[in-house]
Amino acid sequence: MFVLGIDPGLTRCGFGLVEGSLEGVESFRALRAGVIETDPMVAVEERLSQLLIELTDLLHETSPHAVVVERVFYQRNAKTAIPVAQASGVAVALAGAQKLLVRQFTAQQVKLAVTGYGAASKLQVQEMVARICGLSQIPEPPDAADALALAITYFMTERTERRYPSVSAS
């Protein structure tokens, strides 16, 4: 099963494709990771359009079974939060329009799933992503590592919810 994680951002949108299984041995392979970058000097509508086009191409190239997008839960700076929310909306709407399963997790949920500690540092998450996927180096840039972590979180959360269905229903 292939899961595409998306770490939304208008200037840098991270993506990471992970192969894994919801049954049997827990192993993950990072198949692809990177960022989509847009020029901050260009109008927002053009940047969102570029993001839409590049994410559409990415979905066609990777054919994921599910798409996981980081949920914008809390940002101290509204100036930063709004573009992130716009990029997130593009990713969620695009995946939904293609009838893909879409899940969203907060950064804290990702940290908890990947490291076992909801207040883990970015570096700790990146190191665990490398370890979990058997990579010799931490994925770069950090947005790509975060996207891989989102995909891994999907597998871990889905396994738990399938094992304990009454927990996910509450």
N, C-alpha and C. Protein backbone atom coordinates (compact mmCIF):
# COMPACT_ATOMS: atom_id res chain seq x y z
N MET A 1 0.85 -1.17 0.00
CA MET A 1 0.00 0.00 0.00
C MET A 1 0.90 1.24 0.00
N PHE A 2 0.51 2.23 -0.77
CA PHE A 2 1.27 3.47 -0.88
C PHE A 2 0.49 4.62 -0.25
N VAL A 3 1.17 5.39 0.59
CA VAL A 3 0.54 6.54 1.24
C VAL A 3 1.41 7.76 0.96
N LEU A 4 0.76 8.84 0.52
CA LEU A 4 1.45 10.08 0.24
C LEU A 4 1.19 11.06 1.37
N GLY A 5 2.26 11.48 2.03
CA GLY A 5 2.17 12.50 3.06
C GLY A 5 2.44 13.86 2.45
N ILE A 6 1.70 14.86 2.89
CA ILE A 6 1.88 16.22 2.39
C ILE A 6 1.99 17.16 3.59
N ASP A 7 3.14 17.85 3.66
CA ASP A 7 3.39 18.87 4.68
C ASP A 7 3.12 20.20 3.99
N PRO A 8 1.90 20.75 4.16
CA PRO A 8 1.50 21.90 3.36
C PRO A 8 2.26 23.17 3.69
N GLY A 9 2.50 23.92 2.66
CA GLY A 9 3.12 25.23 2.77
C GLY A 9 3.01 25.89 1.42
N LEU A 10 2.90 27.18 1.40
CA LEU A 10 2.76 27.88 0.13
C LEU A 10 4.11 28.11 -0.53
N THR A 11 5.13 28.37 0.27
CA THR A 11 6.46 28.56 -0.29
C THR A 11 7.15 27.22 -0.50
N ARG A 12 7.02 26.33 0.48
CA ARG A 12 7.61 24.99 0.42
C ARG A 12 6.57 23.98 0.89
N CYS A 13 6.16 23.11 0.00
CA CYS A 13 5.18 22.07 0.32
C CYS A 13 5.92 20.73 0.23
N GLY A 14 6.08 20.09 1.37
CA GLY A 14 6.79 18.82 1.40
C GLY A 14 5.88 17.67 0.99
N PHE A 15 6.48 16.66 0.36
CA PHE A 15 5.74 15.44 0.04
C PHE A 15 6.63 14.23 0.29
N GLY A 16 5.98 13.12 0.64
CA GLY A 16 6.72 11.89 0.87
C GLY A 16 5.83 10.69 0.64
N LEU A 17 6.30 9.78 -0.19
CA LEU A 17 5.55 8.56 -0.51
C LEU A 17 6.18 7.40 0.26
N VAL A 18 5.34 6.71 1.03
CA VAL A 18 5.81 5.58 1.84
C VAL A 18 5.02 4.34 1.45
N GLU A 19 5.75 3.24 1.34
CA GLU A 19 5.12 1.94 1.11
C GLU A 19 5.11 1.19 2.44
N GLY A 20 3.97 0.62 2.76
CA GLY A 20 3.85 -0.14 4.00
C GLY A 20 2.65 -1.05 3.92
N SER A 21 2.38 -1.72 5.02
CA SER A 21 1.26 -2.64 5.09
C SER A 21 0.48 -2.37 6.37
N LEU A 22 -0.79 -2.65 6.32
CA LEU A 22 -1.62 -2.50 7.51
C LEU A 22 -1.70 -3.81 8.28
N GLU A 23 -1.07 -4.84 7.75
CA GLU A 23 -1.09 -6.16 8.38
C GLU A 23 0.31 -6.73 8.40
N GLY A 24 0.53 -7.68 9.27
CA GLY A 24 1.82 -8.36 9.30
C GLY A 24 2.93 -7.51 9.89
N VAL A 25 4.12 -7.72 9.36
CA VAL A 25 5.32 -7.05 9.88
C VAL A 25 5.25 -5.55 9.59
N GLU A 26 5.62 -4.78 10.59
CA GLU A 26 5.62 -3.33 10.45
C GLU A 26 6.94 -2.89 9.81
N SER A 27 6.90 -2.66 8.52
CA SER A 27 8.09 -2.15 7.84
C SER A 27 7.65 -1.10 6.83
N PHE A 28 8.49 -0.11 6.65
CA PHE A 28 8.16 1.00 5.79
C PHE A 28 9.31 1.30 4.85
N ARG A 29 8.98 1.67 3.64
CA ARG A 29 9.99 2.09 2.67
C ARG A 29 9.62 3.47 2.16
N ALA A 30 10.56 4.39 2.28
CA ALA A 30 10.37 5.72 1.70
C ALA A 30 10.72 5.61 0.23
N LEU A 31 9.74 5.81 -0.63
CA LEU A 31 9.94 5.65 -2.06
C LEU A 31 10.30 6.95 -2.77
N ARG A 32 9.79 8.05 -2.23
CA ARG A 32 10.00 9.34 -2.88
C ARG A 32 9.72 10.45 -1.87
N ALA A 33 10.54 11.49 -1.90
CA ALA A 33 10.32 12.62 -1.01
C ALA A 33 10.95 13.86 -1.62
N GLY A 34 10.35 15.00 -1.34
CA GLY A 34 10.88 16.26 -1.85
C GLY A 34 9.97 17.40 -1.48
N VAL A 35 10.16 18.51 -2.17
CA VAL A 35 9.33 19.69 -1.93
C VAL A 35 8.90 20.32 -3.25
N ILE A 36 7.75 20.94 -3.20
CA ILE A 36 7.27 21.78 -4.28
C ILE A 36 7.48 23.20 -3.79
N GLU A 37 8.22 23.99 -4.54
CA GLU A 37 8.51 25.36 -4.12
C GLU A 37 7.82 26.35 -5.05
N THR A 38 7.30 27.42 -4.45
CA THR A 38 6.72 28.50 -5.24
C THR A 38 7.44 29.79 -4.87
N ASP A 39 7.42 30.71 -5.78
CA ASP A 39 8.12 31.99 -5.62
C ASP A 39 7.28 32.95 -4.80
N PRO A 40 7.77 33.38 -3.63
CA PRO A 40 7.01 34.31 -2.79
C PRO A 40 6.74 35.67 -3.45
N MET A 41 7.44 35.98 -4.54
CA MET A 41 7.24 37.25 -5.22
C MET A 41 6.08 37.20 -6.22
N VAL A 42 5.51 36.02 -6.42
CA VAL A 42 4.42 35.83 -7.36
C VAL A 42 3.09 35.92 -6.60
N ALA A 43 2.03 36.32 -7.28
CA ALA A 43 0.70 36.45 -6.66
C ALA A 43 0.23 35.12 -6.08
N VAL A 44 -0.49 35.20 -4.97
CA VAL A 44 -0.94 34.01 -4.25
C VAL A 44 -1.74 33.07 -5.15
N GLU A 45 -2.62 33.62 -5.97
CA GLU A 45 -3.45 32.75 -6.82
C GLU A 45 -2.60 31.96 -7.81
N GLU A 46 -1.52 32.56 -8.29
CA GLU A 46 -0.62 31.85 -9.21
C GLU A 46 0.15 30.75 -8.47
N ARG A 47 0.55 31.06 -7.24
CA ARG A 47 1.28 30.06 -6.44
C ARG A 47 0.38 28.89 -6.09
N LEU A 48 -0.87 29.16 -5.71
CA LEU A 48 -1.81 28.09 -5.41
C LEU A 48 -2.11 27.26 -6.66
N SER A 49 -2.19 27.93 -7.79
CA SER A 49 -2.41 27.23 -9.06
C SER A 49 -1.22 26.32 -9.39
N GLN A 50 -0.01 26.82 -9.17
CA GLN A 50 1.18 26.00 -9.40
C GLN A 50 1.17 24.78 -8.48
N LEU A 51 0.81 25.00 -7.22
CA LEU A 51 0.74 23.91 -6.26
C LEU A 51 -0.29 22.88 -6.70
N LEU A 52 -1.43 23.34 -7.15
CA LEU A 52 -2.48 22.44 -7.64
C LEU A 52 -1.98 21.60 -8.81
N ILE A 53 -1.33 22.21 -9.76
CA ILE A 53 -0.83 21.51 -10.94
C ILE A 53 0.24 20.48 -10.54
N GLU A 54 1.18 20.90 -9.70
CA GLU A 54 2.27 19.99 -9.33
C GLU A 54 1.77 18.85 -8.43
N LEU A 55 0.82 19.12 -7.54
CA LEU A 55 0.26 18.05 -6.72
C LEU A 55 -0.57 17.09 -7.57
N THR A 56 -1.27 17.62 -8.56
CA THR A 56 -2.03 16.76 -9.48
C THR A 56 -1.08 15.81 -10.20
N ASP A 57 0.01 16.35 -10.72
CA ASP A 57 1.01 15.51 -11.39
C ASP A 57 1.58 14.46 -10.43
N LEU A 58 1.87 14.87 -9.21
CA LEU A 58 2.43 13.96 -8.21
C LEU A 58 1.45 12.82 -7.89
N LEU A 59 0.18 13.14 -7.76
CA LEU A 59 -0.81 12.10 -7.48
C LEU A 59 -0.92 11.12 -8.65
N HIS A 60 -0.84 11.63 -9.86
CA HIS A 60 -0.90 10.75 -11.04
C HIS A 60 0.34 9.87 -11.13
N GLU A 61 1.49 10.43 -10.80
CA GLU A 61 2.75 9.67 -10.88
C GLU A 61 2.86 8.60 -9.80
N THR A 62 2.36 8.90 -8.60
CA THR A 62 2.58 8.00 -7.47
C THR A 62 1.40 7.06 -7.20
N SER A 63 0.21 7.38 -7.64
CA SER A 63 -0.99 6.57 -7.43
C SER A 63 -1.13 6.06 -5.99
N PRO A 64 -1.19 6.97 -5.01
CA PRO A 64 -1.31 6.52 -3.62
C PRO A 64 -2.69 5.95 -3.32
N HIS A 65 -2.76 5.12 -2.29
CA HIS A 65 -4.05 4.61 -1.82
C HIS A 65 -4.69 5.60 -0.85
N ALA A 66 -3.85 6.41 -0.22
CA ALA A 66 -4.34 7.40 0.74
C ALA A 66 -3.41 8.61 0.71
N VAL A 67 -3.96 9.76 1.10
CA VAL A 67 -3.20 11.00 1.19
C VAL A 67 -3.37 11.53 2.61
N VAL A 68 -2.25 11.90 3.22
CA VAL A 68 -2.27 12.42 4.58
C VAL A 68 -1.71 13.84 4.55
N VAL A 69 -2.48 14.78 5.08
CA VAL A 69 -2.09 16.19 5.08
C VAL A 69 -2.02 16.66 6.52
N GLU A 70 -0.96 17.40 6.84
CA GLU A 70 -0.85 17.92 8.20
C GLU A 70 -1.98 18.91 8.45
N ARG A 71 -2.65 18.71 9.57
CA ARG A 71 -3.74 19.60 9.97
C ARG A 71 -3.14 20.85 10.63
N VAL A 72 -3.57 21.99 10.14
CA VAL A 72 -3.13 23.24 10.74
C VAL A 72 -3.93 23.38 12.03
N PHE A 73 -3.26 23.13 13.15
CA PHE A 73 -3.94 23.11 14.43
C PHE A 73 -3.74 24.41 15.18
N TYR A 74 -2.52 24.88 15.18
CA TYR A 74 -2.23 26.11 15.92
C TYR A 74 -0.98 26.75 15.34
N GLN A 75 -1.07 28.02 15.08
CA GLN A 75 0.09 28.78 14.63
C GLN A 75 0.06 30.09 15.39
N ARG A 76 1.20 30.50 15.84
CA ARG A 76 1.29 31.77 16.57
C ARG A 76 1.11 32.96 15.65
N ASN A 77 1.50 32.79 14.41
CA ASN A 77 1.53 33.90 13.48
C ASN A 77 0.46 33.69 12.39
N ALA A 78 -0.58 34.51 12.40
CA ALA A 78 -1.65 34.38 11.41
C ALA A 78 -1.13 34.59 10.00
N LYS A 79 -0.10 35.41 9.86
CA LYS A 79 0.48 35.66 8.55
C LYS A 79 1.07 34.37 7.97
N THR A 80 1.54 33.48 8.81
CA THR A 80 2.07 32.19 8.39
C THR A 80 0.94 31.17 8.25
N ALA A 81 -0.01 31.20 9.17
CA ALA A 81 -1.07 30.19 9.21
C ALA A 81 -1.96 30.24 7.97
N ILE A 82 -2.27 31.41 7.47
CA ILE A 82 -3.20 31.52 6.35
C ILE A 82 -2.65 30.87 5.08
N PRO A 83 -1.42 31.14 4.66
CA PRO A 83 -0.91 30.45 3.47
C PRO A 83 -0.79 28.94 3.66
N VAL A 84 -0.44 28.51 4.87
CA VAL A 84 -0.36 27.07 5.14
C VAL A 84 -1.75 26.45 5.00
N ALA A 85 -2.77 27.12 5.54
CA ALA A 85 -4.14 26.63 5.44
C ALA A 85 -4.61 26.61 3.99
N GLN A 86 -4.21 27.61 3.21
CA GLN A 86 -4.59 27.62 1.79
C GLN A 86 -3.96 26.44 1.06
N ALA A 87 -2.68 26.19 1.30
CA ALA A 87 -1.99 25.06 0.66
C ALA A 87 -2.61 23.74 1.10
N SER A 88 -2.95 23.66 2.37
CA SER A 88 -3.60 22.45 2.90
C SER A 88 -4.93 22.22 2.20
N GLY A 89 -5.70 23.29 2.02
CA GLY A 89 -7.00 23.17 1.34
C GLY A 89 -6.86 22.66 -0.08
N VAL A 90 -5.83 23.12 -0.79
CA VAL A 90 -5.59 22.65 -2.15
C VAL A 90 -5.33 21.15 -2.13
N ALA A 91 -4.46 20.69 -1.23
CA ALA A 91 -4.10 19.27 -1.17
C ALA A 91 -5.30 18.40 -0.79
N VAL A 92 -6.05 18.81 0.22
CA VAL A 92 -7.20 18.03 0.67
C VAL A 92 -8.27 17.98 -0.41
N ALA A 93 -8.57 19.12 -1.03
CA ALA A 93 -9.60 19.16 -2.07
C ALA A 93 -9.20 18.32 -3.28
N LEU A 94 -7.94 18.41 -3.67
CA LEU A 94 -7.47 17.65 -4.82
C LEU A 94 -7.58 16.14 -4.57
N ALA A 95 -7.11 15.69 -3.41
CA ALA A 95 -7.20 14.26 -3.09
C ALA A 95 -8.66 13.82 -3.00
N GLY A 96 -9.49 14.65 -2.39
CA GLY A 96 -10.91 14.33 -2.30
C GLY A 96 -11.57 14.26 -3.66
N ALA A 97 -11.23 15.18 -4.54
CA ALA A 97 -11.80 15.18 -5.90
C ALA A 97 -11.40 13.94 -6.68
N GLN A 98 -10.24 13.37 -6.32
CA GLN A 98 -9.79 12.15 -7.00
C GLN A 98 -10.26 10.90 -6.26
N LYS A 99 -11.17 11.09 -5.32
CA LYS A 99 -11.78 10.00 -4.55
C LYS A 99 -10.76 9.17 -3.77
N LEU A 100 -9.69 9.82 -3.31
CA LEU A 100 -8.70 9.16 -2.49
C LEU A 100 -9.07 9.32 -1.02
N LEU A 101 -8.69 8.35 -0.22
CA LEU A 101 -8.87 8.45 1.22
C LEU A 101 -7.97 9.57 1.72
N VAL A 102 -8.52 10.49 2.49
CA VAL A 102 -7.75 11.62 3.02
C VAL A 102 -7.82 11.59 4.54
N ARG A 103 -6.67 11.68 5.16
CA ARG A 103 -6.59 11.80 6.62
C ARG A 103 -5.77 13.04 6.94
N GLN A 104 -6.05 13.62 8.10
CA GLN A 104 -5.28 14.77 8.56
C GLN A 104 -4.86 14.52 10.01
N PHE A 105 -3.61 14.85 10.31
CA PHE A 105 -3.08 14.71 11.66
C PHE A 105 -2.37 16.00 12.04
N THR A 106 -2.43 16.35 13.31
CA THR A 106 -1.70 17.51 13.81
C THR A 106 -0.23 17.13 13.96
N ALA A 107 0.61 18.14 14.08
CA ALA A 107 2.05 17.90 14.29
C ALA A 107 2.26 17.08 15.56
N GLN A 108 1.49 17.34 16.60
CA GLN A 108 1.64 16.59 17.85
C GLN A 108 1.28 15.12 17.66
N GLN A 109 0.24 14.83 16.89
CA GLN A 109 -0.13 13.44 16.62
C GLN A 109 0.98 12.72 15.85
N VAL A 110 1.60 13.43 14.91
CA VAL A 110 2.70 12.85 14.13
C VAL A 110 3.88 12.56 15.04
N LYS A 111 4.24 13.51 15.87
CA LYS A 111 5.37 13.32 16.79
C LYS A 111 5.12 12.12 17.70
N LEU A 112 3.92 12.00 18.21
CA LEU A 112 3.57 10.89 19.10
C LEU A 112 3.66 9.56 18.36
N ALA A 113 3.13 9.50 17.15
CA ALA A 113 3.13 8.24 16.39
C ALA A 113 4.54 7.81 15.99
N VAL A 114 5.36 8.77 15.60
CA VAL A 114 6.68 8.44 15.05
C VAL A 114 7.73 8.27 16.14
N THR A 115 7.66 9.08 17.21
CA THR A 115 8.71 9.02 18.24
C THR A 115 8.21 8.46 19.56
N GLY A 116 6.89 8.44 19.76
CA GLY A 116 6.35 8.02 21.05
C GLY A 116 6.25 9.16 22.04
N TYR A 117 6.59 10.39 21.59
CA TYR A 117 6.57 11.56 22.46
C TYR A 117 5.98 12.73 21.70
N GLY A 118 4.83 13.25 22.14
CA GLY A 118 4.11 14.29 21.43
C GLY A 118 4.77 15.65 21.39
N ALA A 119 5.83 15.84 22.20
CA ALA A 119 6.56 17.11 22.18
C ALA A 119 7.98 16.93 21.64
N ALA A 120 8.18 15.90 20.84
CA ALA A 120 9.51 15.63 20.27
C ALA A 120 9.94 16.80 19.39
N SER A 121 11.25 16.96 19.26
CA SER A 121 11.79 18.02 18.40
C SER A 121 11.70 17.59 16.93
N LYS A 122 11.83 18.55 16.05
CA LYS A 122 11.84 18.25 14.61
C LYS A 122 12.96 17.27 14.28
N LEU A 123 14.12 17.48 14.88
CA LEU A 123 15.26 16.61 14.62
C LEU A 123 14.98 15.18 15.08
N GLN A 124 14.33 15.02 16.23
CA GLN A 124 13.99 13.68 16.71
C GLN A 124 13.04 12.98 15.74
N VAL A 125 12.08 13.71 15.20
CA VAL A 125 11.15 13.14 14.22
C VAL A 125 11.92 12.73 12.97
N GLN A 126 12.77 13.60 12.49
CA GLN A 126 13.54 13.31 11.28
C GLN A 126 14.43 12.08 11.47
N GLU A 127 15.07 11.98 12.64
CA GLU A 127 15.93 10.82 12.92
C GLU A 127 15.12 9.54 12.97
N MET A 128 13.93 9.60 13.56
CA MET A 128 13.08 8.40 13.62
C MET A 128 12.55 8.03 12.24
N VAL A 129 12.25 9.00 11.41
CA VAL A 129 11.80 8.70 10.04
C VAL A 129 12.91 7.93 9.33
N ALA A 130 14.14 8.41 9.45
CA ALA A 130 15.26 7.72 8.81
C ALA A 130 15.39 6.30 9.35
N ARG A 131 15.29 6.14 10.65
CA ARG A 131 15.42 4.81 11.27
C ARG A 131 14.28 3.89 10.84
N ILE A 132 13.05 4.38 10.91
CA ILE A 132 11.87 3.56 10.58
C ILE A 132 11.91 3.10 9.12
N CYS A 133 12.37 3.99 8.25
CA CYS A 133 12.40 3.66 6.81
C CYS A 133 13.72 3.03 6.38
N GLY A 134 14.64 2.83 7.32
CA GLY A 134 15.92 2.21 7.00
C GLY A 134 16.81 3.06 6.11
N LEU A 135 16.71 4.38 6.28
CA LEU A 135 17.52 5.29 5.47
C LEU A 135 18.85 5.55 6.16
N SER A 136 19.90 5.73 5.38
CA SER A 136 21.22 5.98 5.96
C SER A 136 21.38 7.43 6.41
N GLN A 137 20.52 8.31 5.91
CA GLN A 137 20.60 9.73 6.28
C GLN A 137 19.20 10.27 6.56
N ILE A 138 19.17 11.36 7.30
CA ILE A 138 17.91 12.05 7.55
C ILE A 138 17.43 12.63 6.23
N PRO A 139 16.15 12.42 5.89
CA PRO A 139 15.63 12.99 4.64
C PRO A 139 15.71 14.52 4.66
N GLU A 140 16.13 15.08 3.57
CA GLU A 140 16.23 16.53 3.42
C GLU A 140 15.40 16.96 2.23
N PRO A 141 14.87 18.15 2.23
CA PRO A 141 14.81 19.12 3.32
C PRO A 141 13.83 18.66 4.41
N PRO A 142 13.78 19.38 5.54
CA PRO A 142 12.91 18.98 6.64
C PRO A 142 11.44 18.81 6.24
N ASP A 143 10.97 19.59 5.28
CA ASP A 143 9.57 19.47 4.84
C ASP A 143 9.30 18.08 4.26
N ALA A 144 10.28 17.53 3.56
CA ALA A 144 10.14 16.19 2.99
C ALA A 144 10.11 15.15 4.10
N ALA A 145 10.98 15.30 5.11
CA ALA A 145 10.99 14.38 6.25
C ALA A 145 9.65 14.44 6.99
N ASP A 146 9.11 15.64 7.16
CA ASP A 146 7.81 15.79 7.82
C ASP A 146 6.71 15.09 7.03
N ALA A 147 6.77 15.17 5.71
CA ALA A 147 5.77 14.52 4.87
C ALA A 147 5.87 12.99 4.99
N LEU A 148 7.08 12.47 5.04
CA LEU A 148 7.26 11.03 5.26
C LEU A 148 6.70 10.63 6.62
N ALA A 149 6.93 11.47 7.63
CA ALA A 149 6.41 11.19 8.97
C ALA A 149 4.88 11.15 8.96
N LEU A 150 4.25 12.01 8.18
CA LEU A 150 2.79 12.00 8.07
C LEU A 150 2.30 10.68 7.48
N ALA A 151 2.97 10.20 6.45
CA ALA A 151 2.58 8.93 5.83
C ALA A 151 2.75 7.78 6.82
N ILE A 152 3.85 7.77 7.56
CA ILE A 152 4.10 6.73 8.56
C ILE A 152 3.01 6.78 9.64
N THR A 153 2.61 7.99 10.03
CA THR A 153 1.56 8.15 11.04
C THR A 153 0.26 7.51 10.57
N TYR A 154 -0.03 7.63 9.29
CA TYR A 154 -1.24 6.99 8.76
C TYR A 154 -1.22 5.49 9.05
N PHE A 155 -0.12 4.85 8.68
CA PHE A 155 -0.02 3.40 8.88
C PHE A 155 -0.17 3.03 10.36
N MET A 156 0.53 3.75 11.22
CA MET A 156 0.50 3.42 12.65
C MET A 156 -0.89 3.66 13.26
N THR A 157 -1.50 4.76 12.86
CA THR A 157 -2.84 5.07 13.38
C THR A 157 -3.87 4.09 12.86
N GLU A 158 -3.82 3.80 11.59
CA GLU A 158 -4.77 2.88 10.97
C GLU A 158 -4.67 1.48 11.59
N ARG A 159 -3.45 1.03 11.83
CA ARG A 159 -3.25 -0.28 12.47
C ARG A 159 -3.91 -0.30 13.86
N THR A 160 -3.69 0.74 14.63
CA THR A 160 -4.26 0.81 15.97
C THR A 160 -5.77 0.85 15.90
N GLU A 161 -6.31 1.65 15.00
CA GLU A 161 -7.77 1.77 14.88
C GLU A 161 -8.41 0.46 14.42
N ARG A 162 -7.72 -0.29 13.59
CA ARG A 162 -8.25 -1.59 13.15
C ARG A 162 -8.17 -2.62 14.28
N ARG A 163 -7.13 -2.52 15.08
CA ARG A 163 -6.95 -3.45 16.20
C ARG A 163 -7.96 -3.18 17.30
N TYR A 164 -8.25 -1.91 17.52
CA TYR A 164 -9.14 -1.50 18.61
C TYR A 164 -10.24 -0.60 18.07
N PRO A 165 -11.20 -1.17 17.36
CA PRO A 165 -12.23 -0.34 16.69
C PRO A 165 -13.04 0.52 17.63
N SER A 166 -13.26 0.09 18.86
CA SER A 166 -14.08 0.90 19.77
C SER A 166 -13.35 2.16 20.19
N VAL A 167 -12.02 2.16 20.18
CA VAL A 167 -11.24 3.33 20.54
C VAL A 167 -11.40 4.41 19.48
N SER A 168 -11.34 4.03 18.20
CA SER A 168 -11.44 5.02 17.12
C SER A 168 -12.84 5.57 16.98
N ALA A 169 -13.85 4.85 17.45
CA ALA A 169 -15.23 5.30 17.31
C ALA A 169 -15.59 6.37 18.34
N SER A 170 -14.82 6.47 19.41
CA SER A 170 -15.17 7.44 20.46
C SER A 170 -14.60 8.79 20.21
